[in-house]
């Protein structure tokens, strides 16, 4: 009888583990009673923004004589605003602020709108940081921090886009990236 009871207990533990993992890793979709993102055409805040903007342009139109350059420019701004609001009405907006939200579900959109600029920023920051670090290590004199040697600084800034990442990686592997001694 003892082996059968042990087998039963093992199966109970396996079933409990499976049930618990299903509850943790397969949760139900969360639903909000008041969604924070709604269609712009259904958002009162978005419609209020559009109405306010177009009303301001109509008020500005009443200040100008018809067929004057200012009148035509204001009419063009009004037409552009109407077109913009009609295009944005098809987007998703914040329920409270009425401003359009952009979602990048497509990987191409994600890479082009976020990943590429983020990597460009990190690369440029690395180049600037490496040039500054290299300048300080080459000029051990504290006066060179106040009166900058422009030829050395320009040379380092010019060469940093080509050497910064490799030099930083090399310094990291050699243990020289972090200078723990204070001078």
N, C-alpha and C. Protein backbone atom coordinates (compact mmCIF):
# COMPACT_ATOMS: atom_id res chain seq x y z
N UNK A 1 0.81 -1.20 0.00
CA UNK A 1 0.00 0.00 0.00
C UNK A 1 0.85 1.27 0.00
N UNK A 2 1.98 1.19 0.59
CA UNK A 2 2.81 2.38 0.70
C UNK A 2 3.26 2.92 -0.66
N UNK A 3 3.69 2.07 -1.61
CA UNK A 3 4.09 2.63 -2.90
C UNK A 3 2.95 3.29 -3.64
N UNK A 4 1.73 2.78 -3.54
CA UNK A 4 0.59 3.39 -4.23
C UNK A 4 0.30 4.77 -3.65
N UNK A 5 0.39 4.90 -2.34
CA UNK A 5 0.15 6.20 -1.70
C UNK A 5 1.22 7.20 -2.13
N UNK A 6 2.45 6.75 -2.26
CA UNK A 6 3.53 7.64 -2.68
C UNK A 6 3.32 8.09 -4.12
N UNK A 7 2.90 7.16 -5.01
CA UNK A 7 2.61 7.52 -6.39
C UNK A 7 1.49 8.55 -6.47
N UNK A 8 0.47 8.35 -5.66
CA UNK A 8 -0.66 9.28 -5.64
C UNK A 8 -0.21 10.67 -5.20
N UNK A 9 0.65 10.70 -4.20
CA UNK A 9 1.15 11.99 -3.71
C UNK A 9 2.00 12.69 -4.77
N UNK A 10 2.81 11.93 -5.48
CA UNK A 10 3.64 12.51 -6.54
C UNK A 10 2.75 13.11 -7.62
N UNK A 11 1.69 12.38 -8.01
CA UNK A 11 0.78 12.89 -9.04
C UNK A 11 0.04 14.14 -8.55
N UNK A 12 -0.31 14.17 -7.28
CA UNK A 12 -0.96 15.36 -6.72
C UNK A 12 -0.02 16.56 -6.77
N UNK A 13 1.25 16.33 -6.44
CA UNK A 13 2.23 17.41 -6.48
C UNK A 13 2.44 17.91 -7.91
N UNK A 14 2.51 16.97 -8.87
CA UNK A 14 2.68 17.36 -10.26
C UNK A 14 1.48 18.16 -10.75
N UNK A 15 0.28 17.70 -10.38
CA UNK A 15 -0.92 18.42 -10.80
C UNK A 15 -0.96 19.81 -10.16
N UNK A 16 -0.61 19.90 -8.89
CA UNK A 16 -0.61 21.20 -8.21
C UNK A 16 0.41 22.15 -8.85
N UNK A 17 1.58 21.61 -9.20
CA UNK A 17 2.61 22.43 -9.86
C UNK A 17 2.12 22.91 -11.21
N UNK A 18 1.49 22.02 -11.98
CA UNK A 18 0.96 22.40 -13.29
C UNK A 18 -0.12 23.46 -13.15
N UNK A 19 -1.04 23.27 -12.20
CA UNK A 19 -2.13 24.23 -12.01
C UNK A 19 -1.58 25.60 -11.59
N UNK A 20 -0.61 25.59 -10.68
CA UNK A 20 -0.03 26.85 -10.22
C UNK A 20 0.72 27.56 -11.35
N UNK A 21 1.48 26.80 -12.14
CA UNK A 21 2.20 27.43 -13.25
C UNK A 21 1.25 27.97 -14.30
N UNK A 22 0.12 27.30 -14.53
CA UNK A 22 -0.88 27.82 -15.48
C UNK A 22 -1.48 29.12 -14.97
N UNK A 23 -1.72 29.20 -13.66
CA UNK A 23 -2.28 30.44 -13.11
C UNK A 23 -1.28 31.59 -13.19
N UNK A 24 0.01 31.26 -13.02
CA UNK A 24 1.02 32.31 -13.03
C UNK A 24 1.36 32.74 -14.45
N UNK A 25 1.60 31.78 -15.33
CA UNK A 25 2.10 32.10 -16.66
C UNK A 25 1.03 32.29 -17.71
N UNK A 26 -0.21 31.95 -17.44
CA UNK A 26 -1.30 32.16 -18.38
C UNK A 26 -2.42 32.96 -17.73
N UNK A 27 -2.13 34.18 -17.29
CA UNK A 27 -3.18 34.95 -16.62
C UNK A 27 -4.25 35.40 -17.61
N UNK A 28 -5.40 35.70 -17.06
CA UNK A 28 -6.47 36.22 -17.91
C UNK A 28 -6.13 37.63 -18.34
N UNK A 29 -6.71 38.03 -19.43
CA UNK A 29 -6.47 39.37 -19.94
C UNK A 29 -7.09 40.39 -18.98
N UNK A 30 -6.30 41.38 -18.60
CA UNK A 30 -6.80 42.40 -17.69
C UNK A 30 -7.69 43.37 -18.45
N UNK A 31 -8.82 43.66 -17.91
CA UNK A 31 -9.76 44.60 -18.52
C UNK A 31 -9.99 45.75 -17.53
N UNK A 32 -10.04 46.93 -18.06
CA UNK A 32 -10.30 48.09 -17.22
C UNK A 32 -11.72 48.58 -17.48
N UNK A 33 -12.40 48.98 -16.42
CA UNK A 33 -13.76 49.49 -16.61
C UNK A 33 -13.74 50.87 -17.25
N UNK A 34 -12.65 51.61 -17.04
CA UNK A 34 -12.49 52.92 -17.69
C UNK A 34 -11.16 52.90 -18.43
N UNK A 35 -11.17 52.57 -19.71
CA UNK A 35 -9.90 52.48 -20.44
C UNK A 35 -9.20 53.83 -20.53
N UNK A 36 -7.89 53.79 -20.43
CA UNK A 36 -7.10 55.02 -20.50
C UNK A 36 -6.82 55.43 -21.93
N UNK A 37 -6.92 54.49 -22.86
CA UNK A 37 -6.68 54.76 -24.28
C UNK A 37 -7.98 54.49 -25.03
N UNK A 38 -8.46 55.49 -25.76
CA UNK A 38 -9.70 55.35 -26.54
C UNK A 38 -9.45 55.90 -27.94
N UNK A 39 -10.37 55.63 -28.84
CA UNK A 39 -10.27 56.22 -30.17
C UNK A 39 -10.39 57.74 -30.02
N UNK A 40 -9.59 58.47 -30.78
CA UNK A 40 -9.59 59.93 -30.66
C UNK A 40 -10.97 60.52 -30.97
N UNK A 41 -11.65 59.95 -31.96
CA UNK A 41 -12.96 60.49 -32.32
C UNK A 41 -13.97 60.32 -31.18
N UNK A 42 -13.72 59.36 -30.26
CA UNK A 42 -14.61 59.13 -29.13
C UNK A 42 -14.16 59.86 -27.87
N UNK A 43 -13.00 60.51 -27.92
CA UNK A 43 -12.45 61.19 -26.75
C UNK A 43 -13.00 62.61 -26.65
N UNK A 44 -13.62 62.91 -25.53
CA UNK A 44 -14.16 64.27 -25.32
C UNK A 44 -13.02 65.29 -25.26
N UNK A 45 -11.90 64.90 -24.65
CA UNK A 45 -10.77 65.83 -24.54
C UNK A 45 -10.20 66.15 -25.92
N UNK A 46 -10.10 65.15 -26.80
CA UNK A 46 -9.60 65.38 -28.16
C UNK A 46 -10.54 66.29 -28.92
N UNK A 47 -11.84 66.02 -28.84
CA UNK A 47 -12.82 66.86 -29.54
C UNK A 47 -12.79 68.29 -29.01
N UNK A 48 -12.56 68.43 -27.70
CA UNK A 48 -12.46 69.76 -27.11
C UNK A 48 -11.22 70.50 -27.64
N UNK A 49 -10.10 69.78 -27.75
CA UNK A 49 -8.89 70.40 -28.32
C UNK A 49 -9.12 70.86 -29.75
N UNK A 50 -9.75 70.00 -30.55
CA UNK A 50 -10.00 70.35 -31.96
C UNK A 50 -10.94 71.55 -32.06
N UNK A 51 -12.00 71.54 -31.27
CA UNK A 51 -12.96 72.64 -31.30
C UNK A 51 -12.31 73.95 -30.86
N UNK A 52 -11.52 73.90 -29.81
CA UNK A 52 -10.84 75.10 -29.31
C UNK A 52 -9.89 75.66 -30.36
N UNK A 53 -9.12 74.78 -30.99
CA UNK A 53 -8.15 75.24 -31.99
C UNK A 53 -8.86 75.86 -33.20
N UNK A 54 -9.90 75.22 -33.68
CA UNK A 54 -10.62 75.74 -34.84
C UNK A 54 -11.37 77.03 -34.50
N UNK A 55 -11.87 77.15 -33.27
CA UNK A 55 -12.54 78.37 -32.85
C UNK A 55 -11.55 79.53 -32.81
N UNK A 56 -10.34 79.27 -32.31
CA UNK A 56 -9.32 80.31 -32.28
C UNK A 56 -8.97 80.78 -33.68
N UNK A 57 -8.89 79.83 -34.61
CA UNK A 57 -8.58 80.22 -35.99
C UNK A 57 -9.72 81.00 -36.62
N UNK A 58 -10.97 80.64 -36.31
CA UNK A 58 -12.12 81.41 -36.82
C UNK A 58 -12.12 82.82 -36.25
N UNK A 59 -11.77 82.96 -34.98
CA UNK A 59 -11.69 84.28 -34.35
C UNK A 59 -10.59 85.11 -35.02
N UNK A 60 -9.47 84.46 -35.31
CA UNK A 60 -8.38 85.18 -35.98
C UNK A 60 -8.80 85.60 -37.39
N UNK A 61 -9.61 84.78 -38.07
CA UNK A 61 -10.08 85.13 -39.41
C UNK A 61 -10.93 86.39 -39.40
N UNK A 62 -11.71 86.57 -38.34
CA UNK A 62 -12.59 87.74 -38.29
C UNK A 62 -11.80 89.04 -38.12
N UNK A 63 -10.53 88.94 -37.75
CA UNK A 63 -9.69 90.13 -37.58
C UNK A 63 -9.08 90.63 -38.88
N UNK A 64 -9.18 89.83 -39.96
CA UNK A 64 -8.52 90.19 -41.22
C UNK A 64 -9.54 90.45 -42.31
N UNK A 65 -9.15 91.29 -43.24
CA UNK A 65 -9.97 91.54 -44.43
C UNK A 65 -9.85 90.35 -45.38
N UNK A 66 -10.95 89.97 -46.03
CA UNK A 66 -10.86 88.87 -47.01
C UNK A 66 -9.89 89.22 -48.14
N UNK A 67 -9.28 88.22 -48.69
CA UNK A 67 -8.33 88.31 -49.81
C UNK A 67 -7.02 89.01 -49.45
N UNK A 68 -6.72 89.18 -48.18
CA UNK A 68 -5.41 89.72 -47.78
C UNK A 68 -4.48 88.54 -47.52
N UNK A 69 -3.18 88.77 -47.56
CA UNK A 69 -2.24 87.66 -47.30
C UNK A 69 -2.43 87.03 -45.91
N UNK A 70 -2.71 87.84 -44.90
CA UNK A 70 -2.92 87.31 -43.55
C UNK A 70 -4.17 86.44 -43.50
N UNK A 71 -5.23 86.86 -44.19
CA UNK A 71 -6.47 86.09 -44.24
C UNK A 71 -6.23 84.74 -44.92
N UNK A 72 -5.50 84.77 -46.05
CA UNK A 72 -5.21 83.53 -46.78
C UNK A 72 -4.34 82.59 -45.94
N UNK A 73 -3.36 83.15 -45.24
CA UNK A 73 -2.49 82.33 -44.40
C UNK A 73 -3.27 81.68 -43.26
N UNK A 74 -4.20 82.44 -42.67
CA UNK A 74 -5.02 81.89 -41.59
C UNK A 74 -5.97 80.83 -42.12
N UNK A 75 -6.52 81.05 -43.32
CA UNK A 75 -7.37 80.02 -43.94
C UNK A 75 -6.58 78.74 -44.20
N UNK A 76 -5.34 78.90 -44.62
CA UNK A 76 -4.49 77.72 -44.86
C UNK A 76 -4.20 76.99 -43.55
N UNK A 77 -3.94 77.74 -42.48
CA UNK A 77 -3.71 77.11 -41.18
C UNK A 77 -4.96 76.40 -40.70
N UNK A 78 -6.14 76.98 -40.96
CA UNK A 78 -7.40 76.36 -40.56
C UNK A 78 -7.62 75.06 -41.35
N UNK A 79 -7.34 75.09 -42.65
CA UNK A 79 -7.49 73.89 -43.47
C UNK A 79 -6.53 72.79 -43.01
N UNK A 80 -5.28 73.18 -42.71
CA UNK A 80 -4.29 72.21 -42.24
C UNK A 80 -4.71 71.62 -40.89
N UNK A 81 -5.26 72.45 -40.01
CA UNK A 81 -5.71 71.96 -38.70
C UNK A 81 -6.87 70.99 -38.85
N UNK A 82 -7.82 71.30 -39.73
CA UNK A 82 -8.94 70.38 -39.97
C UNK A 82 -8.44 69.04 -40.49
N UNK A 83 -7.52 69.09 -41.45
CA UNK A 83 -6.96 67.85 -41.99
C UNK A 83 -6.22 67.05 -40.92
N UNK A 84 -5.44 67.76 -40.10
CA UNK A 84 -4.69 67.08 -39.05
C UNK A 84 -5.63 66.41 -38.05
N UNK A 85 -6.66 67.14 -37.62
CA UNK A 85 -7.59 66.56 -36.66
C UNK A 85 -8.40 65.41 -37.26
N UNK A 86 -8.72 65.49 -38.55
CA UNK A 86 -9.45 64.38 -39.17
C UNK A 86 -8.56 63.14 -39.29
N UNK A 87 -7.26 63.32 -39.54
CA UNK A 87 -6.35 62.17 -39.58
C UNK A 87 -6.13 61.61 -38.18
N UNK A 88 -5.97 62.49 -37.20
CA UNK A 88 -5.72 62.04 -35.84
C UNK A 88 -6.95 61.39 -35.21
N UNK A 89 -8.13 61.66 -35.74
CA UNK A 89 -9.35 61.05 -35.19
C UNK A 89 -9.32 59.54 -35.35
N UNK A 90 -8.53 59.02 -36.27
CA UNK A 90 -8.44 57.58 -36.48
C UNK A 90 -7.41 56.91 -35.57
N UNK A 91 -6.65 57.72 -34.81
CA UNK A 91 -5.64 57.17 -33.91
C UNK A 91 -6.22 56.91 -32.53
N UNK A 92 -5.40 56.35 -31.66
CA UNK A 92 -5.79 56.14 -30.27
C UNK A 92 -5.29 57.34 -29.45
N UNK A 93 -6.15 57.80 -28.53
CA UNK A 93 -5.82 58.97 -27.70
C UNK A 93 -5.93 58.62 -26.23
N UNK A 94 -5.26 59.42 -25.42
CA UNK A 94 -5.44 59.31 -23.99
C UNK A 94 -6.82 59.82 -23.62
N UNK A 95 -7.50 59.10 -22.75
CA UNK A 95 -8.87 59.47 -22.39
C UNK A 95 -8.89 60.81 -21.67
N UNK A 96 -7.90 61.07 -20.83
CA UNK A 96 -7.92 62.29 -20.02
C UNK A 96 -7.37 63.51 -20.75
N UNK A 97 -6.29 63.33 -21.53
CA UNK A 97 -5.67 64.51 -22.15
C UNK A 97 -6.04 64.69 -23.62
N UNK A 98 -6.55 63.66 -24.28
CA UNK A 98 -6.97 63.78 -25.67
C UNK A 98 -5.84 63.86 -26.67
N UNK A 99 -4.63 63.54 -26.25
CA UNK A 99 -3.49 63.60 -27.15
C UNK A 99 -3.27 62.24 -27.80
N UNK A 100 -2.96 62.22 -29.10
CA UNK A 100 -2.77 60.95 -29.80
C UNK A 100 -1.57 60.17 -29.26
N UNK A 101 -1.70 58.85 -29.25
CA UNK A 101 -0.64 57.95 -28.82
C UNK A 101 -0.20 57.13 -30.03
N UNK A 102 1.09 56.89 -30.11
CA UNK A 102 1.62 56.07 -31.19
C UNK A 102 2.13 54.77 -30.60
N UNK A 103 1.74 53.66 -31.18
CA UNK A 103 2.18 52.35 -30.75
C UNK A 103 2.99 51.73 -31.88
N UNK A 104 4.09 51.14 -31.55
CA UNK A 104 4.90 50.50 -32.59
C UNK A 104 4.79 48.99 -32.43
N UNK A 105 3.78 48.42 -33.06
CA UNK A 105 3.59 46.98 -33.02
C UNK A 105 4.48 46.29 -34.04
N UNK A 106 4.82 46.99 -35.10
CA UNK A 106 5.67 46.45 -36.15
C UNK A 106 7.13 46.62 -35.74
N UNK A 107 7.93 45.59 -35.94
CA UNK A 107 9.34 45.68 -35.55
C UNK A 107 10.08 46.74 -36.34
N UNK A 108 9.73 46.93 -37.61
CA UNK A 108 10.37 47.98 -38.40
C UNK A 108 10.12 49.34 -37.79
N UNK A 109 8.89 49.59 -37.38
CA UNK A 109 8.55 50.86 -36.75
C UNK A 109 9.31 51.02 -35.44
N UNK A 110 9.41 49.95 -34.67
CA UNK A 110 10.12 50.00 -33.39
C UNK A 110 11.59 50.33 -33.62
N UNK A 111 12.22 49.64 -34.56
CA UNK A 111 13.64 49.88 -34.81
C UNK A 111 13.87 51.30 -35.31
N UNK A 112 13.04 51.75 -36.24
CA UNK A 112 13.26 53.07 -36.84
C UNK A 112 12.92 54.20 -35.89
N UNK A 113 11.93 54.01 -35.02
CA UNK A 113 11.50 55.12 -34.17
C UNK A 113 12.12 55.10 -32.79
N UNK A 114 12.68 53.96 -32.36
CA UNK A 114 13.25 53.93 -31.02
C UNK A 114 14.67 53.37 -30.99
N UNK A 115 14.86 52.17 -31.52
CA UNK A 115 16.14 51.49 -31.35
C UNK A 115 17.28 52.21 -32.06
N UNK A 116 17.09 52.62 -33.29
CA UNK A 116 18.17 53.29 -34.04
C UNK A 116 18.55 54.62 -33.38
N UNK A 117 17.60 55.51 -33.04
CA UNK A 117 18.01 56.75 -32.36
C UNK A 117 18.66 56.49 -31.00
N UNK A 118 18.20 55.47 -30.27
CA UNK A 118 18.80 55.17 -28.97
C UNK A 118 20.25 54.72 -29.14
N UNK A 119 20.50 53.87 -30.12
CA UNK A 119 21.87 53.42 -30.37
C UNK A 119 22.75 54.57 -30.88
N UNK A 120 22.19 55.46 -31.69
CA UNK A 120 22.95 56.63 -32.14
C UNK A 120 23.33 57.51 -30.96
N UNK A 121 22.38 57.72 -30.04
CA UNK A 121 22.67 58.53 -28.86
C UNK A 121 23.78 57.89 -28.03
N UNK A 122 23.68 56.58 -27.80
CA UNK A 122 24.70 55.91 -27.00
C UNK A 122 26.08 55.97 -27.67
N UNK A 123 26.11 55.84 -28.98
CA UNK A 123 27.38 55.91 -29.71
C UNK A 123 27.99 57.31 -29.60
N UNK A 124 27.18 58.34 -29.80
CA UNK A 124 27.69 59.72 -29.71
C UNK A 124 28.14 60.03 -28.29
N UNK A 125 27.36 59.59 -27.29
CA UNK A 125 27.75 59.82 -25.90
C UNK A 125 29.05 59.09 -25.57
N UNK A 126 29.23 57.89 -26.12
CA UNK A 126 30.47 57.15 -25.91
C UNK A 126 31.64 57.89 -26.53
N UNK A 127 31.47 58.41 -27.73
CA UNK A 127 32.55 59.15 -28.40
C UNK A 127 32.94 60.39 -27.61
N UNK A 128 31.97 61.14 -27.16
CA UNK A 128 32.26 62.35 -26.39
C UNK A 128 32.92 61.99 -25.06
N UNK A 129 32.37 61.00 -24.39
CA UNK A 129 32.94 60.58 -23.10
C UNK A 129 34.35 60.05 -23.24
N UNK A 130 34.59 59.25 -24.29
CA UNK A 130 35.93 58.71 -24.48
C UNK A 130 36.91 59.83 -24.79
N UNK A 131 36.53 60.79 -25.61
CA UNK A 131 37.43 61.90 -25.94
C UNK A 131 37.77 62.69 -24.68
N UNK A 132 36.78 62.96 -23.84
CA UNK A 132 37.04 63.68 -22.60
C UNK A 132 37.92 62.89 -21.65
N UNK A 133 37.67 61.60 -21.53
CA UNK A 133 38.46 60.75 -20.65
C UNK A 133 39.90 60.66 -21.15
N UNK A 134 40.06 60.49 -22.45
CA UNK A 134 41.40 60.40 -23.03
C UNK A 134 42.15 61.72 -22.87
N UNK A 135 41.45 62.83 -23.03
CA UNK A 135 42.07 64.15 -22.85
C UNK A 135 42.59 64.30 -21.42
N UNK A 136 41.76 63.91 -20.45
CA UNK A 136 42.18 64.04 -19.05
C UNK A 136 43.32 63.10 -18.71
N UNK A 137 43.35 61.93 -19.32
CA UNK A 137 44.45 61.01 -19.03
C UNK A 137 45.75 61.45 -19.71
N UNK A 138 45.67 62.11 -20.85
CA UNK A 138 46.88 62.57 -21.54
C UNK A 138 47.43 63.85 -20.94
N UNK A 139 46.58 64.68 -20.39
CA UNK A 139 47.03 65.91 -19.75
C UNK A 139 46.88 65.73 -18.25
N UNK A 140 47.95 65.32 -17.63
CA UNK A 140 47.90 65.06 -16.19
C UNK A 140 47.89 66.35 -15.37
N UNK A 141 48.09 67.48 -16.01
CA UNK A 141 48.14 68.76 -15.33
C UNK A 141 46.71 69.28 -15.12
N UNK A 142 46.38 69.67 -13.90
CA UNK A 142 45.03 70.16 -13.62
C UNK A 142 44.74 71.48 -14.33
N UNK A 143 45.78 72.24 -14.69
CA UNK A 143 45.56 73.50 -15.40
C UNK A 143 45.01 73.27 -16.81
N UNK A 144 45.27 72.08 -17.36
CA UNK A 144 44.76 71.76 -18.70
C UNK A 144 43.25 71.54 -18.69
N UNK A 145 42.67 71.39 -17.52
CA UNK A 145 41.22 71.29 -17.43
C UNK A 145 40.57 72.66 -17.53
N UNK A 146 41.31 73.69 -17.18
CA UNK A 146 40.79 75.05 -17.23
C UNK A 146 41.13 75.70 -18.56
N UNK A 147 42.40 75.67 -18.93
CA UNK A 147 42.86 76.18 -20.23
C UNK A 147 43.04 74.98 -21.15
N UNK A 148 42.08 74.75 -21.99
CA UNK A 148 42.04 73.54 -22.80
C UNK A 148 43.03 73.64 -23.96
N UNK A 149 43.78 72.56 -24.17
CA UNK A 149 44.67 72.45 -25.32
C UNK A 149 43.79 72.08 -26.52
N UNK A 150 43.46 73.08 -27.33
CA UNK A 150 42.49 72.87 -28.41
C UNK A 150 42.98 71.91 -29.48
N UNK A 151 44.26 71.91 -29.77
CA UNK A 151 44.74 70.98 -30.81
C UNK A 151 44.59 69.54 -30.35
N UNK A 152 44.94 69.26 -29.11
CA UNK A 152 44.78 67.90 -28.59
C UNK A 152 43.31 67.53 -28.49
N UNK A 153 42.49 68.45 -28.00
CA UNK A 153 41.05 68.17 -27.88
C UNK A 153 40.42 67.92 -29.24
N UNK A 154 40.77 68.73 -30.23
CA UNK A 154 40.21 68.54 -31.58
C UNK A 154 40.68 67.23 -32.19
N UNK A 155 41.94 66.88 -31.96
CA UNK A 155 42.46 65.60 -32.47
C UNK A 155 41.71 64.43 -31.84
N UNK A 156 41.50 64.49 -30.54
CA UNK A 156 40.79 63.40 -29.86
C UNK A 156 39.34 63.33 -30.30
N UNK A 157 38.68 64.48 -30.47
CA UNK A 157 37.28 64.46 -30.93
C UNK A 157 37.19 63.95 -32.36
N UNK A 158 38.19 64.26 -33.18
CA UNK A 158 38.18 63.79 -34.55
C UNK A 158 38.42 62.29 -34.67
N UNK A 159 39.23 61.75 -33.76
CA UNK A 159 39.53 60.32 -33.83
C UNK A 159 38.58 59.47 -32.99
N UNK A 160 37.81 60.09 -32.11
CA UNK A 160 36.97 59.30 -31.20
C UNK A 160 35.89 58.48 -31.89
N UNK A 161 35.25 58.95 -32.97
CA UNK A 161 34.23 58.09 -33.59
C UNK A 161 34.79 56.78 -34.11
N UNK A 162 36.07 56.76 -34.42
CA UNK A 162 36.67 55.55 -34.97
C UNK A 162 37.29 54.67 -33.90
N UNK A 163 37.65 55.25 -32.76
CA UNK A 163 38.40 54.51 -31.75
C UNK A 163 37.66 54.32 -30.44
N UNK A 164 36.60 55.06 -30.20
CA UNK A 164 36.01 55.11 -28.86
C UNK A 164 35.51 53.75 -28.38
N UNK A 165 34.69 53.09 -29.17
CA UNK A 165 34.08 51.83 -28.72
C UNK A 165 35.14 50.76 -28.52
N UNK A 166 36.06 50.65 -29.48
CA UNK A 166 37.12 49.64 -29.36
C UNK A 166 38.04 49.92 -28.19
N UNK A 167 38.41 51.18 -28.00
CA UNK A 167 39.30 51.54 -26.89
C UNK A 167 38.61 51.33 -25.55
N UNK A 168 37.34 51.67 -25.47
CA UNK A 168 36.60 51.46 -24.21
C UNK A 168 36.50 49.97 -23.90
N UNK A 169 36.23 49.16 -24.91
CA UNK A 169 36.13 47.70 -24.71
C UNK A 169 37.49 47.14 -24.30
N UNK A 170 38.57 47.60 -24.93
CA UNK A 170 39.91 47.15 -24.60
C UNK A 170 40.27 47.54 -23.16
N UNK A 171 39.96 48.77 -22.76
CA UNK A 171 40.22 49.20 -21.39
C UNK A 171 39.41 48.40 -20.38
N UNK A 172 38.19 48.04 -20.75
CA UNK A 172 37.36 47.23 -19.85
C UNK A 172 37.98 45.85 -19.65
N UNK A 173 38.44 45.23 -20.72
CA UNK A 173 39.05 43.90 -20.61
C UNK A 173 40.37 43.93 -19.86
N UNK A 174 41.12 45.01 -19.97
CA UNK A 174 42.39 45.14 -19.26
C UNK A 174 42.23 45.60 -17.82
N UNK A 175 41.03 46.03 -17.46
CA UNK A 175 40.79 46.51 -16.10
C UNK A 175 41.20 47.95 -15.90
N UNK A 176 41.37 48.69 -16.97
CA UNK A 176 41.80 50.09 -16.87
C UNK A 176 40.66 51.07 -17.10
N UNK A 177 39.45 50.57 -17.29
CA UNK A 177 38.33 51.47 -17.59
C UNK A 177 37.97 52.32 -16.39
N UNK A 178 38.00 51.72 -15.21
CA UNK A 178 37.67 52.45 -13.99
C UNK A 178 38.95 52.82 -13.27
N UNK A 179 39.16 54.10 -13.06
CA UNK A 179 40.32 54.58 -12.34
C UNK A 179 39.91 54.78 -10.89
N UNK A 180 40.40 53.92 -10.01
CA UNK A 180 39.98 53.98 -8.61
C UNK A 180 40.88 54.87 -7.76
N UNK A 181 41.99 55.31 -8.31
CA UNK A 181 42.88 56.17 -7.52
C UNK A 181 42.54 57.63 -7.77
N UNK A 182 42.46 58.37 -6.69
CA UNK A 182 42.20 59.81 -6.80
C UNK A 182 43.52 60.55 -6.85
N UNK A 183 43.62 61.51 -7.74
CA UNK A 183 44.87 62.26 -7.87
C UNK A 183 44.72 63.64 -7.30
